Every structure is written in C-alpha cells, then in structure tokens.
C-alpha cells in the first residue's frame, strides 16, 4: 500500500508492508527538487522504528517522520 504526500516542495512516498493481520511496517522515501550536499537519505527508503502499526497509524507516523526529515533539511518554515 502506497501513498504520496507533498510537503514544502518535496514528495514523501509512504509504503506499508503487511506483517500480520491488520498490522504493517511503515517505510518512507523523500524525493525533492534538489539534492542537498551532505544529505545522503534523499531518495532512499527509510523504515520507521517502533512498528508494526495499524494501517492508519502507520501512514500517520511515516508521514510525520518524512515531514520532520524535510524540516531538518530545510530548517524552520517562516
């Protein structure tokens, strides 16, 4: 199951992998307009720790993890 979310000019691709009935591991990947020097994680699939999660929670935590990563790369929004 996949979902893409736009945030601050980047795309967060969320991917859920079933682990058991109604439970999922959450992964995210950030794609953006630029590749910032020193940021090796852009375009790489990253697993969200603490799973497995319910479907709804998995999408939520992966999206928030992706947004936090973008905030770290770009700095605070004005």
N, C-alpha and C. Protein backbone atom coordinates (compact mmCIF):
# COMPACT_ATOMS: atom_id res chain seq x y z
N UNK A 1 0.85 -1.17 0.00
CA UNK A 1 0.00 0.00 0.00
C UNK A 1 0.89 1.23 0.00
N UNK A 2 0.54 2.15 -0.85
CA UNK A 2 1.39 3.31 -1.01
C UNK A 2 0.58 4.59 -1.02
N UNK A 3 1.21 5.66 -0.57
CA UNK A 3 0.59 6.98 -0.58
C UNK A 3 1.71 8.00 -0.77
N UNK A 4 1.43 9.07 -1.50
CA UNK A 4 2.39 10.14 -1.69
C UNK A 4 1.80 11.43 -1.14
N UNK A 5 2.62 12.16 -0.36
CA UNK A 5 2.20 13.40 0.26
C UNK A 5 3.18 14.49 -0.15
N UNK A 6 2.68 15.66 -0.55
CA UNK A 6 3.54 16.79 -0.86
C UNK A 6 3.73 17.64 0.38
N UNK A 7 4.99 18.07 0.62
CA UNK A 7 5.29 18.88 1.80
C UNK A 7 6.49 19.76 1.49
N UNK A 8 6.30 21.07 1.53
CA UNK A 8 7.37 22.06 1.34
C UNK A 8 8.19 21.82 0.07
N UNK A 9 7.53 21.45 -1.00
CA UNK A 9 8.21 21.26 -2.28
C UNK A 9 8.82 19.88 -2.47
N UNK A 10 8.66 19.00 -1.50
CA UNK A 10 9.17 17.63 -1.57
C UNK A 10 8.00 16.67 -1.64
N UNK A 11 8.27 15.45 -2.07
CA UNK A 11 7.29 14.38 -2.02
C UNK A 11 7.73 13.35 -1.00
N UNK A 12 6.81 12.95 -0.16
CA UNK A 12 7.05 11.88 0.81
C UNK A 12 6.27 10.67 0.31
N UNK A 13 6.99 9.64 -0.08
CA UNK A 13 6.37 8.39 -0.53
C UNK A 13 6.30 7.45 0.67
N UNK A 14 5.09 7.10 1.07
CA UNK A 14 4.86 6.21 2.21
C UNK A 14 4.49 4.84 1.67
N UNK A 15 5.13 3.81 2.20
CA UNK A 15 4.89 2.44 1.77
C UNK A 15 4.64 1.59 3.01
N UNK A 16 3.54 0.85 3.02
CA UNK A 16 3.23 -0.05 4.14
C UNK A 16 3.46 -1.48 3.71
N UNK A 17 4.10 -2.25 4.59
CA UNK A 17 4.38 -3.65 4.33
C UNK A 17 3.65 -4.47 5.39
N UNK A 18 2.72 -5.34 4.99
CA UNK A 18 1.99 -6.14 5.97
C UNK A 18 2.93 -7.05 6.77
N UNK A 19 2.71 -7.11 8.08
CA UNK A 19 3.49 -8.00 8.93
C UNK A 19 2.63 -9.11 9.52
N UNK A 20 1.37 -8.80 9.77
CA UNK A 20 0.39 -9.77 10.27
C UNK A 20 -1.00 -9.19 9.97
N UNK A 21 -2.04 -9.85 10.43
CA UNK A 21 -3.40 -9.37 10.14
C UNK A 21 -3.59 -7.96 10.69
N UNK A 22 -3.87 -7.02 9.79
CA UNK A 22 -4.15 -5.61 10.13
C UNK A 22 -2.98 -4.87 10.75
N UNK A 23 -1.76 -5.35 10.59
CA UNK A 23 -0.57 -4.68 11.13
C UNK A 23 0.47 -4.50 10.02
N UNK A 24 1.21 -3.38 10.08
CA UNK A 24 2.10 -3.02 8.99
C UNK A 24 3.39 -2.39 9.51
N UNK A 25 4.48 -2.62 8.79
CA UNK A 25 5.70 -1.84 8.95
C UNK A 25 5.57 -0.64 8.02
N UNK A 26 6.06 0.51 8.46
CA UNK A 26 5.96 1.73 7.67
C UNK A 26 7.34 2.15 7.17
N UNK A 27 7.40 2.51 5.90
CA UNK A 27 8.62 2.98 5.25
C UNK A 27 8.30 4.30 4.56
N UNK A 28 9.31 5.18 4.46
CA UNK A 28 9.10 6.40 3.69
C UNK A 28 10.35 6.72 2.88
N UNK A 29 10.12 7.49 1.81
CA UNK A 29 11.22 7.95 0.95
C UNK A 29 10.92 9.40 0.60
N UNK A 30 11.95 10.25 0.62
CA UNK A 30 11.79 11.66 0.30
C UNK A 30 12.40 11.92 -1.06
N UNK A 31 11.61 12.54 -1.94
CA UNK A 31 12.08 12.97 -3.25
C UNK A 31 11.90 14.47 -3.31
N UNK A 32 12.93 15.17 -3.79
CA UNK A 32 12.82 16.62 -3.82
C UNK A 32 13.42 17.25 -5.04
N UNK A 33 13.24 18.57 -5.13
CA UNK A 33 13.73 19.30 -6.29
C UNK A 33 15.26 19.41 -6.33
N UNK A 34 15.89 19.32 -5.19
CA UNK A 34 17.35 19.44 -5.13
C UNK A 34 17.92 18.35 -4.26
N UNK A 35 19.18 18.07 -4.47
CA UNK A 35 19.91 17.16 -3.60
C UNK A 35 20.89 17.98 -2.78
N UNK A 36 20.56 18.16 -1.51
CA UNK A 36 21.37 18.97 -0.62
C UNK A 36 22.65 18.24 -0.29
N UNK A 37 23.81 18.91 -0.41
CA UNK A 37 25.08 18.26 -0.06
C UNK A 37 25.07 17.78 1.40
N UNK A 38 25.55 16.59 1.61
CA UNK A 38 25.61 16.02 2.95
C UNK A 38 24.36 15.29 3.38
N UNK A 39 23.32 15.31 2.56
CA UNK A 39 22.08 14.61 2.90
C UNK A 39 22.00 13.37 2.01
N UNK A 40 22.45 12.27 2.56
CA UNK A 40 22.53 11.03 1.78
C UNK A 40 21.19 10.30 1.70
N UNK A 41 20.24 10.66 2.56
CA UNK A 41 18.99 9.89 2.65
C UNK A 41 17.97 10.23 1.58
N UNK A 42 18.14 11.32 0.84
CA UNK A 42 17.17 11.66 -0.19
C UNK A 42 17.10 10.54 -1.22
N UNK A 43 15.89 10.09 -1.48
CA UNK A 43 15.68 9.03 -2.45
C UNK A 43 15.86 7.63 -1.89
N UNK A 44 16.28 7.52 -0.64
CA UNK A 44 16.48 6.21 -0.01
C UNK A 44 15.26 5.84 0.83
N UNK A 45 14.93 4.59 0.84
CA UNK A 45 13.81 4.08 1.63
C UNK A 45 14.24 3.94 3.09
N UNK A 46 13.46 4.51 4.01
CA UNK A 46 13.80 4.51 5.44
C UNK A 46 12.65 3.88 6.22
N UNK A 47 12.98 2.92 7.08
CA UNK A 47 11.96 2.25 7.89
C UNK A 47 11.70 3.06 9.16
N UNK A 48 10.42 3.20 9.50
CA UNK A 48 10.02 3.88 10.73
C UNK A 48 10.13 2.88 11.88
N UNK A 49 10.84 3.27 12.93
CA UNK A 49 11.02 2.38 14.08
C UNK A 49 9.74 2.28 14.90
N UNK A 50 9.67 1.26 15.71
CA UNK A 50 8.58 1.12 16.67
C UNK A 50 7.39 0.32 16.19
N UNK A 51 7.44 -0.18 14.97
CA UNK A 51 6.31 -0.92 14.41
C UNK A 51 6.28 -2.35 14.90
N UNK A 52 5.34 -3.11 14.47
CA UNK A 52 4.34 -2.79 13.46
C UNK A 52 3.22 -1.91 14.03
N UNK A 53 2.50 -1.28 13.09
CA UNK A 53 1.45 -0.34 13.43
C UNK A 53 0.15 -0.77 12.74
N UNK A 54 -0.97 -0.24 13.23
CA UNK A 54 -2.22 -0.38 12.49
C UNK A 54 -2.08 0.43 11.20
N UNK A 55 -2.91 0.17 10.22
CA UNK A 55 -2.79 0.86 8.92
C UNK A 55 -2.84 2.37 9.10
N UNK A 56 -3.82 2.86 9.80
CA UNK A 56 -3.99 4.31 9.97
C UNK A 56 -2.78 4.93 10.68
N UNK A 57 -2.32 4.28 11.74
CA UNK A 57 -1.19 4.80 12.50
C UNK A 57 0.10 4.73 11.66
N UNK A 58 0.27 3.68 10.88
CA UNK A 58 1.46 3.53 10.05
C UNK A 58 1.58 4.67 9.05
N UNK A 59 0.48 5.00 8.37
CA UNK A 59 0.50 6.13 7.44
C UNK A 59 0.85 7.43 8.18
N UNK A 60 0.24 7.62 9.34
CA UNK A 60 0.46 8.84 10.11
C UNK A 60 1.92 8.98 10.55
N UNK A 61 2.50 7.96 11.17
CA UNK A 61 3.87 8.09 11.68
C UNK A 61 4.88 8.22 10.54
N UNK A 62 4.64 7.55 9.41
CA UNK A 62 5.56 7.67 8.28
C UNK A 62 5.50 9.08 7.68
N UNK A 63 4.31 9.64 7.58
CA UNK A 63 4.18 11.00 7.05
C UNK A 63 4.86 12.00 7.98
N UNK A 64 4.65 11.88 9.27
CA UNK A 64 5.26 12.79 10.24
C UNK A 64 6.78 12.64 10.24
N UNK A 65 7.28 11.41 10.13
CA UNK A 65 8.73 11.19 10.06
C UNK A 65 9.31 11.85 8.81
N UNK A 66 8.61 11.74 7.70
CA UNK A 66 9.06 12.38 6.47
C UNK A 66 9.05 13.90 6.59
N UNK A 67 8.00 14.45 7.18
CA UNK A 67 7.92 15.90 7.36
C UNK A 67 9.03 16.40 8.29
N UNK A 68 9.30 15.66 9.36
CA UNK A 68 10.37 16.05 10.27
C UNK A 68 11.73 16.03 9.57
N UNK A 69 11.93 15.06 8.70
CA UNK A 69 13.18 14.98 7.96
C UNK A 69 13.35 16.18 7.02
N UNK A 70 12.28 16.55 6.35
CA UNK A 70 12.32 17.71 5.46
C UNK A 70 12.54 18.99 6.26
N UNK A 71 11.88 19.12 7.38
CA UNK A 71 12.09 20.29 8.24
C UNK A 71 13.55 20.39 8.68
N UNK A 72 14.16 19.26 8.96
CA UNK A 72 15.57 19.25 9.36
C UNK A 72 16.46 19.70 8.20
N UNK A 73 16.15 19.22 7.00
CA UNK A 73 16.95 19.58 5.82
C UNK A 73 16.83 21.06 5.49
N UNK A 74 15.59 21.58 5.49
CA UNK A 74 15.34 22.96 5.06
C UNK A 74 15.44 23.98 6.18
N UNK A 75 15.32 23.53 7.41
CA UNK A 75 15.25 24.47 8.52
C UNK A 75 13.81 24.85 8.78
N UNK A 76 13.58 25.65 9.82
CA UNK A 76 12.20 26.01 10.18
C UNK A 76 11.51 26.79 9.07
N UNK A 77 10.21 26.56 8.94
CA UNK A 77 9.44 27.34 7.96
C UNK A 77 9.08 28.68 8.57
N UNK A 78 8.94 29.66 7.74
CA UNK A 78 8.65 31.02 8.21
C UNK A 78 7.17 31.19 8.41
